[in-house]
């Protein structure tokens, strides 16, 4: 890609991470004024003050990010990546469509939660139990790969790309402000859940949903194996030829490990942990002599 922009709404704390970003060619730090950004997007979509009002009512940084990322993409176009991702391949082959998002294997899609079918619930509870067991089992991700197609595939907004003024993103922003107020502030309501509803409404040519292997080779819960200690690290079996980005789910059971991550941690664990092996293999600076 020609450039990478780190959008931030608050002042960034000085430290080795910030200095590394500043010194990296092609990386731009952009202090974003969220209300100004949302006002511009709303003006183009004739939404009045509804986007800014929604942003101000949201208290969770995650939910605010769900809203702001769509507005920035709508205005500027490009590819959005969550920070808990590592890019392992070129994104250029994905850019020949008007808009795209990733998908992951999940257990509890919305239609299941609303269903009264005993047979469906029995199936889903069995899938949930199997995933829990494989999450805890050593190298359980290997067995999960054999049964993952039994799970439901659902869109996720952790990685998205679109042209400026994308009709898909316009529909997404309008859908956000059209949700009942009580639902707007529920976890995941503005993120994966609403994106999944947009997918059902938009024609396939407007929004391409990439299969899970492209961005989510280890899905929710199973992603804990990125940080599990292992005698044998088989990174080549986790990644696929079509994998472009690895979303490693900092917020799903790996959250406590995030504070430990630094170059020394990666180098020390690269032979016994999938995450460290992934970072070491794909971040060139880690392999440079000190």
Protein backbone atom coordinates (compact mmCIF):
# COMPACT_ATOMS: atom_id res chain seq x y z
CA UNK A 1 0.00 0.00 0.00
CA UNK A 2 1.21 3.55 -0.67
CA UNK A 3 0.77 4.68 2.93
CA UNK A 4 -0.51 3.63 6.33
CA UNK A 5 -2.42 6.11 8.47
CA UNK A 6 -2.85 5.60 12.21
CA UNK A 7 -5.96 7.57 13.12
CA UNK A 8 -6.13 8.56 16.79
CA UNK A 9 -8.56 10.79 18.67
CA UNK A 10 -6.37 11.35 21.76
CA UNK A 11 -2.77 12.37 22.31
CA UNK A 12 -0.45 9.39 21.92
CA UNK A 13 1.77 8.56 24.87
CA UNK A 14 5.48 8.93 24.22
CA UNK A 15 7.46 5.71 24.29
CA UNK A 16 9.26 3.17 22.09
CA UNK A 17 6.06 2.27 20.22
CA UNK A 18 5.35 5.87 19.22
CA UNK A 19 8.97 6.54 18.27
CA UNK A 20 9.01 3.39 16.13
CA UNK A 21 5.87 4.53 14.30
CA UNK A 22 7.26 8.01 13.70
CA UNK A 23 10.49 6.60 12.28
CA UNK A 24 8.79 4.12 9.94
CA UNK A 25 8.66 5.22 6.31
CA UNK A 26 5.15 5.34 4.87
CA UNK A 27 3.42 5.62 8.24
CA UNK A 28 1.46 8.80 9.03
CA UNK A 29 -0.06 9.65 12.40
CA UNK A 30 -3.34 11.53 12.00
CA UNK A 31 -5.02 13.20 14.97
CA UNK A 32 -8.70 12.91 14.12
CA UNK A 33 -11.40 15.21 15.49
CA UNK A 34 -14.29 12.74 15.66
CA UNK A 35 -17.16 15.23 15.72
CA UNK A 36 -15.78 17.09 12.70
CA UNK A 37 -15.36 13.83 10.80
CA UNK A 38 -18.87 12.66 11.65
CA UNK A 39 -20.36 16.05 10.81
CA UNK A 40 -18.80 15.90 7.34
CA UNK A 41 -20.05 12.36 6.74
CA UNK A 42 -23.53 13.23 7.99
CA UNK A 43 -23.71 16.28 5.72
CA UNK A 44 -22.99 14.12 2.67
CA UNK A 45 -25.69 11.66 3.73
CA UNK A 46 -28.25 14.24 4.87
CA UNK A 47 -28.26 12.85 8.43
CA UNK A 48 -28.20 16.16 10.28
CA UNK A 49 -26.70 15.79 13.76
CA UNK A 50 -27.58 12.14 14.16
CA UNK A 51 -24.03 10.76 13.80
CA UNK A 52 -22.49 13.20 16.26
CA UNK A 53 -25.33 12.68 18.71
CA UNK A 54 -24.82 8.92 18.52
CA UNK A 55 -21.07 9.26 19.06
CA UNK A 56 -21.58 11.44 22.13
CA UNK A 57 -24.01 8.93 23.65
CA UNK A 58 -21.54 6.06 23.25
CA UNK A 59 -19.26 5.56 26.25
CA UNK A 60 -17.29 2.55 25.05
CA UNK A 61 -14.13 3.27 22.99
CA UNK A 62 -14.86 0.07 21.06
CA UNK A 63 -18.32 1.27 20.02
CA UNK A 64 -17.00 4.72 19.14
CA UNK A 65 -14.40 3.03 16.95
CA UNK A 66 -17.13 0.96 15.25
CA UNK A 67 -18.80 4.22 14.22
CA UNK A 68 -15.74 6.31 13.44
CA UNK A 69 -13.98 3.73 11.26
CA UNK A 70 -16.98 3.54 8.93
CA UNK A 71 -17.19 7.34 8.68
CA UNK A 72 -13.48 7.69 7.87
CA UNK A 73 -13.64 4.92 5.27
CA UNK A 74 -16.75 6.47 3.74
CA UNK A 75 -15.01 9.85 3.38
CA UNK A 76 -11.53 8.71 2.40
CA UNK A 77 -11.73 5.13 1.15
CA UNK A 78 -8.99 2.59 1.79
CA UNK A 79 -8.54 -0.44 4.01
CA UNK A 80 -9.25 -0.44 7.74
CA UNK A 81 -7.33 -2.82 10.04
CA UNK A 82 -7.79 -3.35 13.75
CA UNK A 83 -4.59 -2.91 15.75
CA UNK A 84 -4.58 -6.57 16.81
CA UNK A 85 -3.66 -7.70 13.32
CA UNK A 86 -0.47 -8.70 11.53
CA UNK A 87 -0.36 -8.40 7.76
CA UNK A 88 1.21 -11.47 6.15
CA UNK A 89 0.51 -10.87 2.45
CA UNK A 90 -0.26 -8.18 -0.08
CA UNK A 91 -3.73 -6.66 0.10
CA UNK A 92 -3.62 -5.46 -3.51
CA UNK A 93 -5.38 -8.57 -4.94
CA UNK A 94 -8.40 -7.72 -2.75
CA UNK A 95 -8.87 -4.21 -4.11
CA UNK A 96 -10.62 -5.01 -7.39
CA UNK A 97 -14.07 -4.90 -5.75
CA UNK A 98 -16.07 -1.84 -4.57
CA UNK A 99 -16.04 -2.97 -0.92
CA UNK A 100 -15.04 -5.97 1.16
CA UNK A 101 -15.07 -7.25 4.72
CA UNK A 102 -13.86 -10.37 6.43
CA UNK A 103 -15.75 -13.24 7.97
CA UNK A 104 -15.14 -15.64 10.84
CA UNK A 105 -16.52 -18.92 12.14
CA UNK A 106 -18.91 -18.27 15.03
CA UNK A 107 -21.30 -20.27 17.22
CA UNK A 108 -24.07 -17.81 18.09
CA UNK A 109 -25.39 -15.83 15.12
CA UNK A 110 -28.42 -13.64 15.74
CA UNK A 111 -30.89 -15.96 14.03
CA UNK A 112 -29.93 -18.76 16.44
CA UNK A 113 -30.49 -16.57 19.49
CA UNK A 114 -33.94 -15.68 18.16
CA UNK A 115 -34.85 -19.25 17.20
CA UNK A 116 -37.15 -21.52 19.19
CA UNK A 117 -36.02 -24.66 17.34
CA UNK A 118 -34.93 -27.33 19.81
CA UNK A 119 -32.99 -29.14 17.07
CA UNK A 120 -31.07 -26.00 16.13
CA UNK A 121 -30.27 -25.16 19.73
CA UNK A 122 -29.09 -28.72 20.38
CA UNK A 123 -26.74 -28.50 17.41
CA UNK A 124 -25.39 -25.12 18.45
CA UNK A 125 -24.83 -26.16 22.07
CA UNK A 126 -22.85 -29.16 20.81
CA UNK A 127 -20.76 -26.87 18.59
CA UNK A 128 -20.19 -24.51 21.50
CA UNK A 129 -19.03 -27.33 23.76
CA UNK A 130 -16.70 -28.71 21.08
CA UNK A 131 -15.12 -25.29 20.60
CA UNK A 132 -14.62 -24.84 24.36
CA UNK A 133 -12.91 -28.23 24.62
CA UNK A 134 -10.66 -27.58 21.62
CA UNK A 135 -9.79 -24.14 22.96
CA UNK A 136 -8.32 -25.76 26.07
CA UNK A 137 -6.84 -28.86 24.43
CA UNK A 138 -3.13 -28.68 23.48
CA UNK A 139 -2.97 -27.91 19.75
CA UNK A 140 -6.75 -28.06 19.67
CA UNK A 141 -6.74 -25.67 16.72
CA UNK A 142 -5.57 -28.55 14.52
CA UNK A 143 -8.70 -30.55 15.29
CA UNK A 144 -10.89 -27.47 15.02
CA UNK A 145 -9.73 -26.94 11.43
CA UNK A 146 -11.27 -30.32 10.60
CA UNK A 147 -14.73 -29.32 11.87
CA UNK A 148 -14.76 -25.54 11.34
CA UNK A 149 -17.07 -25.76 8.32
CA UNK A 150 -19.78 -27.06 10.67
CA UNK A 151 -19.89 -23.59 12.26
CA UNK A 152 -21.65 -20.46 11.02
CA UNK A 153 -19.80 -17.91 8.89
CA UNK A 154 -20.47 -14.29 9.83
CA UNK A 155 -19.05 -10.95 8.71
CA UNK A 156 -16.73 -9.07 11.06
CA UNK A 157 -15.79 -5.38 10.89
CA UNK A 158 -12.21 -5.77 12.17
CA UNK A 159 -10.94 -5.58 8.59
CA UNK A 160 -12.82 -3.69 5.88
CA UNK A 161 -12.01 -1.98 2.60
CA UNK A 162 -14.03 0.29 0.34
CA UNK A 163 -13.93 3.02 -2.25
CA UNK A 164 -14.73 6.57 -1.09
CA UNK A 165 -18.47 7.27 -0.86
CA UNK A 166 -19.21 3.55 -0.91
CA UNK A 167 -22.99 2.81 -1.03
CA UNK A 168 -22.34 -0.04 1.42
CA UNK A 169 -20.77 2.29 3.99
CA UNK A 170 -23.50 4.87 3.41
CA UNK A 171 -26.09 2.18 4.19
CA UNK A 172 -24.05 1.12 7.22
CA UNK A 173 -23.96 4.65 8.70
CA UNK A 174 -27.66 5.18 8.05
CA UNK A 175 -28.44 1.85 9.69
CA UNK A 176 -26.45 2.85 12.78
CA UNK A 177 -28.54 5.93 13.45
CA UNK A 178 -31.75 4.06 12.63
CA UNK A 179 -31.28 1.45 15.36
CA UNK A 180 -33.43 1.85 18.47
CA UNK A 181 -31.47 3.87 21.05
CA UNK A 182 -31.42 1.00 23.54
CA UNK A 183 -29.78 -1.29 20.98
CA UNK A 184 -27.23 1.27 19.78
CA UNK A 185 -25.31 1.02 23.05
CA UNK A 186 -25.31 -2.78 23.29
CA UNK A 187 -21.99 -4.61 22.76
CA UNK A 188 -21.36 -5.58 19.12
CA UNK A 189 -24.57 -3.88 17.97
CA UNK A 190 -22.83 -1.28 15.80
CA UNK A 191 -20.05 -3.65 14.81
CA UNK A 192 -20.34 -7.27 13.67
CA UNK A 193 -24.07 -7.64 14.33
CA UNK A 194 -25.13 -4.66 12.22
CA UNK A 195 -22.58 -5.46 9.51
CA UNK A 196 -24.10 -8.93 9.24
CA UNK A 197 -27.51 -7.35 8.68
CA UNK A 198 -26.04 -5.06 5.99
CA UNK A 199 -24.57 -8.12 4.25
CA UNK A 200 -28.02 -9.67 4.01
CA UNK A 201 -29.48 -6.48 2.51
CA UNK A 202 -26.80 -5.52 -0.05
CA UNK A 203 -26.35 -7.26 -3.40
CA UNK A 204 -23.28 -9.47 -3.64
CA UNK A 205 -21.61 -7.23 -6.19
CA UNK A 206 -21.62 -4.27 -3.78
CA UNK A 207 -19.93 -6.00 -0.86
CA UNK A 208 -17.55 -8.95 -1.08
CA UNK A 209 -17.22 -11.07 2.05
CA UNK A 210 -13.84 -12.77 2.22
CA UNK A 211 -13.79 -16.29 3.61
CA UNK A 212 -12.42 -16.78 7.16
CA UNK A 213 -9.03 -18.04 6.03
CA UNK A 214 -8.22 -14.65 4.48
CA UNK A 215 -8.25 -12.65 7.76
CA UNK A 216 -9.28 -15.00 10.61
CA UNK A 217 -7.35 -18.29 10.26
CA UNK A 218 -8.00 -18.97 13.96
CA UNK A 219 -11.44 -17.72 14.91
CA UNK A 220 -12.95 -16.54 18.20
CA UNK A 221 -12.05 -18.64 21.28
CA UNK A 222 -9.77 -20.89 19.21
CA UNK A 223 -7.60 -17.80 18.79
CA UNK A 224 -6.36 -18.40 22.34
CA UNK A 225 -3.95 -20.87 20.74
CA UNK A 226 -1.95 -17.94 19.33
CA UNK A 227 -0.63 -17.51 22.88
CA UNK A 228 -0.59 -21.09 24.13
CA UNK A 229 2.86 -22.57 24.80
CA UNK A 230 3.64 -25.40 22.42
CA UNK A 231 6.54 -27.77 21.99
CA UNK A 232 6.15 -27.59 18.22
CA UNK A 233 5.11 -24.41 16.40
CA UNK A 234 3.45 -25.19 13.07
CA UNK A 235 2.88 -21.69 11.70
CA UNK A 236 2.74 -23.02 8.15
CA UNK A 237 -0.31 -25.10 9.11
CA UNK A 238 -2.18 -22.18 10.63
CA UNK A 239 -1.74 -19.83 7.67
CA UNK A 240 -3.11 -20.58 4.22
CA UNK A 241 -2.05 -19.42 0.75
CA UNK A 242 -5.06 -17.06 0.72
CA UNK A 243 -4.30 -15.56 4.17
CA UNK A 244 -3.55 -11.81 3.88
CA UNK A 245 -4.00 -10.56 7.42
CA UNK A 246 -4.07 -12.38 10.75
CA UNK A 247 -6.52 -10.98 13.29
CA UNK A 248 -5.33 -12.44 16.59
CA UNK A 249 -8.15 -11.16 18.86
CA UNK A 250 -6.53 -9.09 21.60
CA UNK A 251 -9.97 -8.80 23.25
CA UNK A 252 -10.76 -12.53 23.29
CA UNK A 253 -8.86 -14.38 26.04
CA UNK A 254 -5.55 -12.93 24.83
CA UNK A 255 -6.14 -9.56 26.46
CA UNK A 256 -3.94 -10.28 29.49
CA UNK A 257 -1.03 -11.17 27.19
CA UNK A 258 -1.03 -7.89 25.26
CA UNK A 259 0.88 -5.98 27.95
CA UNK A 260 3.71 -8.54 27.69
CA UNK A 261 4.28 -8.09 23.96
CA UNK A 262 7.51 -6.37 23.01
CA UNK A 263 10.46 -7.28 20.75
CA UNK A 264 12.24 -9.25 23.48
CA UNK A 265 9.07 -11.22 24.24
CA UNK A 266 8.64 -12.14 20.58
CA UNK A 267 12.25 -13.26 20.19
CA UNK A 268 12.16 -15.31 23.39
CA UNK A 269 8.94 -17.17 22.48
CA UNK A 270 9.20 -17.52 18.71
CA UNK A 271 9.95 -21.26 18.93
CA UNK A 272 7.24 -22.12 21.44
CA UNK A 273 4.30 -19.82 20.66
CA UNK A 274 2.31 -19.25 17.48
CA UNK A 275 1.86 -15.50 18.01
CA UNK A 276 5.58 -14.88 18.56
CA UNK A 277 6.43 -17.04 15.56
CA UNK A 278 3.93 -15.07 13.47
CA UNK A 279 5.31 -11.70 14.53
CA UNK A 280 8.93 -12.75 14.11
CA UNK A 281 8.30 -14.15 10.62
CA UNK A 282 6.46 -11.07 9.34
CA UNK A 283 8.04 -8.07 11.06
CA UNK A 284 11.40 -7.58 9.41
CA UNK A 285 12.79 -5.24 12.07
CA UNK A 286 12.70 -8.07 14.63
CA UNK A 287 15.22 -9.99 12.57
CA UNK A 288 17.69 -7.14 12.13
CA UNK A 289 20.91 -7.37 14.17
CA UNK A 290 20.93 -5.12 17.23
